[in-house]
Amino acid sequence: MSARPGDPAEPAARTGVFRQVGELLGALRVSPVAKTLVALMGAIVVVVALTAYGQIELNSWNKPFYDAISRRDLSEFIVQVGVFAVIAGALLVLNVAQRWLGETLQLKLRKAVVNDLVGLWLQPRRAFWLQASGPMGAHPDQRMHDDTLKLCDLSVTLGVGLLQAAMLFGSFASVLWVLSKDFSLFFNGKDHVLPGFMLWAAIAYAIAGSLVTYWVGSGLIARNAERYAREGELRFSLTRINEHLDGISLAGGEADEKRRVAMHFGDVLRATSRVVLGLTNLTWVTAGFGWITIIAPTLVAAPLYFSGKVSFGGLMMAAAAFTQAQSSLRWFVDNFSIIADWRATLLRVTDLRRMLASDLEARASGSRIAYEEGEGGTLAIEALEVRSWSGHDRLDVSGLVVHRGQRVLILGTPGAEKTLLFRSLAGLWPWGSGTVRRPGGETIHYMPRGTPYIPRGTLAEVLSYAMEPTTYPRDAMVAALASVGLQRLEPLLDRKGRWESELSMDEQLRLGFARVVLQAPPWLVMDEAFSAFDDDTLELIIGVLGKLTHTGIIHIGSAGEAHDRLFTQVVHLVKAPHAVPEEQRP
């Protein structure tokens, strides 16, 4: 069987991390806040460079300070305390500035990444295609909210840390070289010169730690990615229960939902346990190197002191310089678990962005319905066949032309996919053949089966969706509500609420038709819009639609006595007589 609509793209995990970072940087370059990001990063570089210089000065301060202590020179000791206060004060200001710049950079970076993803996601029909794309379309809300938050925070934290480590190493490498440039080791009866041995010792120590860390902790990347996926499924399960409490309670389904939550929570716990095991193993390495580092600088610098080449103050300065250089080099060791977390989050965000930026519709095989723009005032359907899992459905007329003001009822025979026909007319389900020629420059209002979409906001915003409330005068809104029997809602037009829970299903359905009355679209296409109404309400709605004399109406649904007064033409959706090979189905 061929691919379903929107099969997932090649996983981002199969591409290099540099390519993934490059894709995100490409999106950031065209962001409205790109210049702000560059300015903030430049300011961070300057602050980190000044901090590195201050730490070099602080390291140099160790020698006169400890020498003054060893000589019991009180006056020099007091002077050096004053010097320390100046250096420490300057470093404090730089630390505060670096924190503010880093937090601001995280904020602006998240703004750019989220706006990019949401902009791609909410392109016309793109979110619908993503939903049908399989595992990649699962929980895009989590990837755009939680994952982008974590990605931006970790990116700035790790980026600033790496920059700081690089600058510190560059600064203290020269100190170590100067301190140990004349070092020699007496062996086999003669001196062997080892220039800069403290620098090479720091490098070797850090490389050994990095290699062991990577060997032990490399599996954390995949384990973190798995944990985030399982967390998303648990959160979705809990959200779904909260949104359908009435149906669950009426059906007595609490026990079943509890079982589902327990299953997803079990998946989370198992995935988290694997992460915990990986972190535990990694801690053997990171903590072990951490404890050794307490004494390693002194051990490495001790030969200089015992050979008489440096004083006690020089020993402390050399040990401090070794600590700074080695800690810079072991940045990878100290941050590997965070890097693994960042890498897993990067995979999820770049996977989503690559999918959103691709042609989701083109990912599925098979023929397509052609969508064209025709003359205004006319909607034409020519030789339309809709491809579904059960075969092909088609209209019993080869060509259907509807003019503005006309009303057409499409009746579906048993087994026919009426909702897929509705989605095909809307362009959401293009699999099939034939042509849909839409009226050029004219709005088509689509009303799906069930309750209409009700956004959060004021009732006026709900009524005018997806237009601005200021587009319509208040009197028009009041009249639209009254036309469908919702006069009681007039005082609530300016109140915000969760209308999907505050209004009954009947009121929500009526509100959908009040929206049509208010906006008076040139065209209205409905999918089984009358089946939930009782006879009296149906009479009211039919009367309201009958007054929209300039609106062309296509209703896909069932027949009834009330329909006869509204619709002037009836066509049928029937199963195509030929069989459909399995490999050609969606």
Foldseek 3Di string as FASTA:
>chain_A
DFDDFQAADDFPVVPDPVVLVVVLVVLLCPFPCNVVLVVLVVVLLVLLLVLLVLVLVVLVLLQQCVVCVVVVPVVSNVVSVVVVVVSVVVNVVSVVVNVVSLVVSLVVSLVSLLCLLVVLCPDPLLLVSLCRHPLLSAQVVCLSPVLSSLLSNLCSVLVSLLSSLVSNLVVLLVVLQVLQQQDWDDDPHRTHRDGSVLSVVLLVLQVVLLVVLCVLQVVLLVLLLQLSSLVSVLVVLVVVCVVCVPVCVVVVPPVVSVVVNVVSVVSNVVSVVVNVVSVVSLCVRLVVSVVVLVCVLLVVLVVCVVVPVGDPSVSSSSSVSSSSNNCSSNSCSVCVSSVSNNSSSSSSSSSSSVSSPDDSRVSTDFDWEAEAADAAQKKKWAQWWAFAQQAIKDWPDRMDIFGFLAEEEAEEDPPFDLQSVLCCQVVNRTHTYTYIHHHPPFDEAEAEPFFGDADWAFLLPRLQPPDDSVVADLVLLCVLCVLQPNNVCSVRRHPTDPCVVVDDRVSRLSSVSSSCSSVLGREYEYEASQPPDDPVSSLSSLVSVNVSRRHYYYYYHDDDPSVVVRHDYYIYIYGDPDGDDNNNGD
